[in-house]
Amino acid sequence: MKFNNFFYIGIDDTDNAETRGTGFRARQLATLLIEKNLADVLSVSRHQLFFDPRVPFTSHNSSLCLELKANDLEELIGVSKNFLLEVAAEGSDVGLCIARKENICLEVIEFGKKAKIDLVTQKEAYEIAKKNQLFIEGLTGTKDGVIGALAGVGLSFSGNDGRCVWLKGTELREIKGVMSINELLEQSNIDDVTDENGFSIPKTDLILLDEWLRPILKNNNKILITEEVKNEKHKWKLKPKDFIKKLSN
């Protein structure tokens, strides 16, 4: 089926301390939409929000966003709502936001940026979503998840925040071993591999992949950050997890 329209689906606060996190649920939702032939999901990204004692969260206060192509907004809403209600953990405050790409404006992006550094409210989220014709709904509990859901949409659309936890046709957690940059790009749908200064790595160079790939969103591209090593078998390895988290949070 040909999918003609771009959408973003933001979700937040599906879990509690004993259950799988929202990142896992976002990847499940991506798979479900593909299996039902409702969408061509391009990526799932994680976005860090305000980490503060005044904000209720399970572990890290992050939200997730699916970037996809589809045709029918109502079908996306129905399937996404049913899925989230089915997997919502006890005590969770699930929020869902679905936006057509053309309706995401600077105001939505600025809301996402504000949600990273300060307190924002459900009232603000609902007002911005209504003004810009975005679907938004709180599904369980206090419904505070609408804040992260809308923020995730804005931050993902901005193309300069967060990191990918899933890419089309790619199992980022399973690509391992030593390979050329060319081979990696062919396998992963990552747009580019760079050093920590942002310079592209020669495509024939070899890289060691010994942990999960964590491409960041930068200038609307999915970029994998590496560092040079002294090794006769490979010239590059992945930058450590803590470096990527600091860069993408």
Protein backbone atom coordinates (compact mmCIF):
# COMPACT_ATOMS: atom_id res chain seq x y z
CA MET A 1 0.00 0.00 0.00
CA LYS A 2 1.16 3.52 -0.73
CA PHE A 3 1.17 5.90 2.25
CA ASN A 4 0.85 9.56 1.37
CA ASN A 5 0.91 11.60 4.58
CA PHE A 6 3.49 12.14 7.32
CA PHE A 7 2.42 11.81 10.96
CA TYR A 8 4.04 11.93 14.38
CA ILE A 9 2.72 9.89 17.31
CA GLY A 10 3.85 10.94 20.78
CA ILE A 11 3.29 8.71 23.83
CA ASP A 12 4.24 9.08 27.47
CA ASP A 13 3.89 7.50 30.90
CA THR A 14 2.71 3.99 30.04
CA ASP A 15 4.66 2.22 32.79
CA ASN A 16 5.33 1.81 36.48
CA ALA A 17 8.43 0.69 38.36
CA GLU A 18 7.70 -3.02 37.75
CA THR A 19 6.82 -3.01 34.05
CA ARG A 20 8.51 -2.53 30.71
CA GLY A 21 9.20 1.11 29.85
CA THR A 22 7.56 3.41 27.36
CA GLY A 23 10.42 2.89 24.90
CA PHE A 24 9.49 -0.79 24.70
CA ARG A 25 5.82 0.07 24.22
CA ALA A 26 6.66 2.58 21.48
CA ARG A 27 8.59 -0.09 19.58
CA GLN A 28 5.66 -2.48 20.03
CA LEU A 29 3.25 0.13 18.65
CA ALA A 30 5.51 0.68 15.64
CA THR A 31 5.48 -3.06 14.94
CA LEU A 32 1.70 -3.25 15.37
CA LEU A 33 1.04 -0.42 12.90
CA ILE A 34 3.29 -2.09 10.35
CA GLU A 35 1.70 -5.52 10.84
CA LYS A 36 -1.77 -4.04 10.38
CA ASN A 37 -0.53 -2.36 7.18
CA LEU A 38 -1.62 1.02 8.51
CA ALA A 39 1.72 2.81 8.33
CA ASP A 40 5.28 2.88 7.15
CA VAL A 41 7.07 3.66 10.40
CA LEU A 42 10.37 5.44 9.80
CA SER A 43 11.74 5.86 13.31
CA VAL A 44 11.03 5.87 17.02
CA SER A 45 12.88 8.46 19.06
CA ARG A 46 13.37 9.10 22.78
CA HIS A 47 13.25 12.62 24.21
CA GLN A 48 14.40 13.66 27.68
CA LEU A 49 12.08 16.03 29.53
CA PHE A 50 12.46 18.13 32.71
CA PHE A 51 14.09 15.99 35.39
CA ASP A 52 12.89 17.55 38.61
CA PRO A 53 11.34 16.31 41.91
CA ARG A 54 8.21 18.36 41.19
CA VAL A 55 7.53 16.29 38.06
CA PRO A 56 6.04 12.81 38.63
CA PHE A 57 7.81 10.14 36.56
CA THR A 58 8.73 6.48 36.71
CA SER A 59 12.48 6.61 36.10
CA HIS A 60 13.86 9.26 33.72
CA ASN A 61 10.89 11.41 32.56
CA SER A 62 11.36 10.75 28.87
CA SER A 63 8.75 10.55 26.12
CA LEU A 64 8.73 8.65 22.83
CA CYS A 65 7.69 9.65 19.33
CA LEU A 66 6.98 7.60 16.20
CA GLU A 67 7.68 9.22 12.83
CA LEU A 68 5.65 7.56 10.09
CA LYS A 69 3.77 7.75 6.82
CA ALA A 70 0.11 6.72 6.77
CA ASN A 71 -3.21 7.56 5.17
CA ASP A 72 -5.94 7.50 7.81
CA LEU A 73 -5.70 9.59 10.99
CA GLU A 74 -8.77 7.99 12.57
CA GLU A 75 -7.31 4.51 12.16
CA LEU A 76 -4.06 5.65 13.76
CA ILE A 77 -6.00 7.09 16.68
CA GLY A 78 -8.11 3.97 17.17
CA VAL A 79 -5.28 1.46 17.03
CA SER A 80 -2.95 3.59 19.16
CA LYS A 81 -5.57 4.20 21.86
CA ASN A 82 -6.61 0.55 22.05
CA PHE A 83 -2.99 -0.58 22.25
CA LEU A 84 -2.04 1.90 24.97
CA LEU A 85 -5.12 1.12 27.06
CA GLU A 86 -4.29 -2.58 26.79
CA VAL A 87 -0.65 -2.22 27.92
CA ALA A 88 -1.01 0.68 30.38
CA ALA A 89 0.48 -0.26 33.72
CA GLU A 90 -1.35 0.20 37.00
CA GLY A 91 -0.83 3.75 38.23
CA SER A 92 0.33 5.06 34.85
CA ASP A 93 -0.83 8.40 33.43
CA VAL A 94 -0.85 7.62 29.72
CA GLY A 95 -0.94 10.43 27.18
CA LEU A 96 -1.26 10.21 23.39
CA CYS A 97 -0.72 12.88 20.74
CA ILE A 98 -1.02 12.34 16.97
CA ALA A 99 -0.14 15.13 14.55
CA ARG A 100 -0.12 15.60 10.84
CA LYS A 101 3.30 16.91 9.85
CA GLU A 102 1.86 20.03 8.24
CA ASN A 103 0.13 21.00 11.51
CA ILE A 104 3.29 20.97 13.61
CA CYS A 105 4.48 24.55 13.97
CA LEU A 106 7.05 26.53 15.94
CA GLU A 107 4.65 26.78 18.89
CA VAL A 108 4.62 22.99 19.24
CA ILE A 109 8.41 22.82 19.01
CA GLU A 110 8.79 25.57 21.62
CA PHE A 111 6.44 23.69 23.96
CA GLY A 112 8.71 20.65 23.64
CA LYS A 113 11.80 22.73 24.35
CA LYS A 114 10.16 24.31 27.39
CA ALA A 115 9.14 20.88 28.70
CA LYS A 116 12.84 19.96 28.79
CA ILE A 117 13.80 22.78 31.17
CA ASP A 118 10.72 23.90 33.09
CA LEU A 119 7.31 22.94 34.41
CA VAL A 120 4.48 22.91 31.89
CA THR A 121 0.83 22.03 32.35
CA GLN A 122 -1.88 19.89 30.83
CA LYS A 123 -3.81 23.10 30.14
CA GLU A 124 -0.96 24.43 27.98
CA ALA A 125 -0.71 21.11 26.13
CA TYR A 126 -4.43 20.94 25.36
CA GLU A 127 -4.59 24.57 24.26
CA ILE A 128 -1.64 24.25 21.88
CA ALA A 129 -2.91 20.96 20.46
CA LYS A 130 -6.42 22.36 19.89
CA LYS A 131 -5.09 25.55 18.31
CA ASN A 132 -2.97 23.58 15.83
CA GLN A 133 -5.49 20.77 15.14
CA LEU A 134 -3.46 18.01 16.76
CA PHE A 135 -5.15 15.00 18.33
CA ILE A 136 -4.35 14.77 22.04
CA GLU A 137 -5.90 12.69 24.82
CA GLY A 138 -5.07 11.53 28.31
CA LEU A 139 -5.99 7.87 28.64
CA THR A 140 -5.30 6.80 32.24
CA GLY A 141 -4.67 8.15 35.72
CA THR A 142 -4.02 11.87 36.05
CA LYS A 143 -3.55 12.05 32.25
CA ASP A 144 -0.33 14.03 32.76
CA GLY A 145 1.20 11.98 29.94
CA VAL A 146 -0.35 14.40 27.44
CA ILE A 147 2.46 16.83 28.33
CA GLY A 148 5.22 14.43 27.30
CA ALA A 149 3.25 13.17 24.32
CA LEU A 150 2.92 16.66 22.82
CA ALA A 151 6.50 17.56 23.77
CA GLY A 152 7.79 14.41 22.06
CA VAL A 153 6.00 15.33 18.84
CA GLY A 154 7.50 18.82 18.83
CA LEU A 155 11.00 17.67 19.70
CA SER A 156 11.03 14.85 17.17
CA PHE A 157 9.74 17.14 14.42
CA SER A 158 12.45 19.69 15.27
CA GLY A 159 15.04 17.16 14.06
CA ASN A 160 17.58 18.25 16.67
CA ASP A 161 16.67 16.46 19.88
CA GLY A 162 16.83 12.98 21.30
CA ARG A 163 18.06 9.66 20.00
CA CYS A 164 16.58 6.78 18.03
CA VAL A 165 15.56 3.57 19.75
CA TRP A 166 14.22 2.02 16.53
CA LEU A 167 14.72 2.62 12.81
CA LYS A 168 12.86 1.26 9.81
CA GLY A 169 14.10 -2.19 8.92
CA THR A 170 16.68 -2.07 11.68
CA GLU A 171 17.12 -3.84 15.00
CA LEU A 172 19.52 -1.35 16.57
CA ARG A 173 20.22 -3.65 19.51
CA GLU A 174 21.28 -6.60 17.35
CA ILE A 175 23.79 -5.13 14.86
CA LYS A 176 27.16 -6.32 16.20
CA GLY A 177 30.69 -7.01 15.06
CA VAL A 178 33.25 -5.29 12.86
CA MET A 179 32.13 -3.88 9.51
CA SER A 180 32.78 -1.03 7.15
CA ILE A 181 30.85 2.23 7.49
CA ASN A 182 29.28 1.45 4.11
CA GLU A 183 28.02 -1.92 5.36
CA LEU A 184 26.63 -0.31 8.50
CA LEU A 185 24.75 2.37 6.57
CA GLU A 186 23.28 -0.25 4.24
CA GLN A 187 22.06 -2.36 7.16
CA SER A 188 20.75 0.29 9.50
CA ASN A 189 18.99 3.20 7.75
CA ILE A 190 21.31 5.49 9.71
CA ASP A 191 22.02 8.61 7.64
CA ASP A 192 25.66 9.16 8.58
CA VAL A 193 28.45 8.09 10.92
CA THR A 194 30.64 10.87 12.33
CA ASP A 195 33.35 11.52 14.88
CA GLU A 196 32.48 13.52 18.00
CA ASN A 197 33.27 16.76 16.15
CA GLY A 198 30.66 16.06 13.48
CA PHE A 199 32.99 15.05 10.64
CA SER A 200 31.84 12.11 8.50
CA ILE A 201 33.88 8.93 8.72
CA PRO A 202 35.33 7.54 5.45
CA LYS A 203 32.93 4.92 4.19
CA THR A 204 35.62 2.25 3.77
CA ASP A 205 36.87 2.53 7.37
CA LEU A 206 36.06 -0.31 9.76
CA ILE A 207 34.08 0.16 12.97
CA LEU A 208 33.58 -2.08 16.02
CA LEU A 209 29.95 -2.38 17.11
CA ASP A 210 29.98 -3.91 20.58
CA GLU A 211 26.87 -2.35 22.16
CA TRP A 212 23.47 -0.92 21.15
CA LEU A 213 23.50 1.65 18.38
CA ARG A 214 22.19 5.01 19.64
CA PRO A 215 21.93 7.39 16.66
CA ILE A 216 21.03 10.94 17.65
CA LEU A 217 18.70 13.29 15.77
CA LYS A 218 20.70 16.15 14.29
CA ASN A 219 19.64 18.47 11.46
CA ASN A 220 16.82 16.04 10.61
CA ASN A 221 19.27 13.16 10.18
CA LYS A 222 19.96 10.04 12.21
CA ILE A 223 23.65 10.30 13.13
CA LEU A 224 25.84 7.69 14.83
CA ILE A 225 28.70 9.20 16.86
CA THR A 226 32.03 7.35 17.08
CA GLU A 227 35.58 7.79 18.35
CA GLU A 228 38.90 6.76 16.83
CA VAL A 229 40.86 3.90 18.37
CA LYS A 230 44.31 2.38 17.92
CA ASN A 231 43.53 -1.11 16.74
CA GLU A 232 44.85 -3.08 13.80
CA LYS A 233 41.42 -4.61 13.08
CA HIS A 234 39.27 -1.48 13.17
CA LYS A 235 39.76 2.28 13.30
CA TRP A 236 36.54 3.34 15.04
CA LYS A 237 34.24 2.34 17.89
CA LEU A 238 30.98 3.72 19.29
CA LYS A 239 31.12 6.63 21.68
CA PRO A 240 30.16 5.45 25.19
CA LYS A 241 26.54 5.36 26.26
CA ASP A 242 27.00 8.15 28.83
CA PHE A 243 28.42 10.48 26.17
CA ILE A 244 25.48 9.84 23.84
CA LYS A 245 22.96 10.28 26.64
CA LYS A 246 24.51 13.61 27.64
CA LEU A 247 24.55 14.73 24.01
CA SER A 248 20.97 13.74 23.24
CA ASN A 249 19.21 14.53 26.53
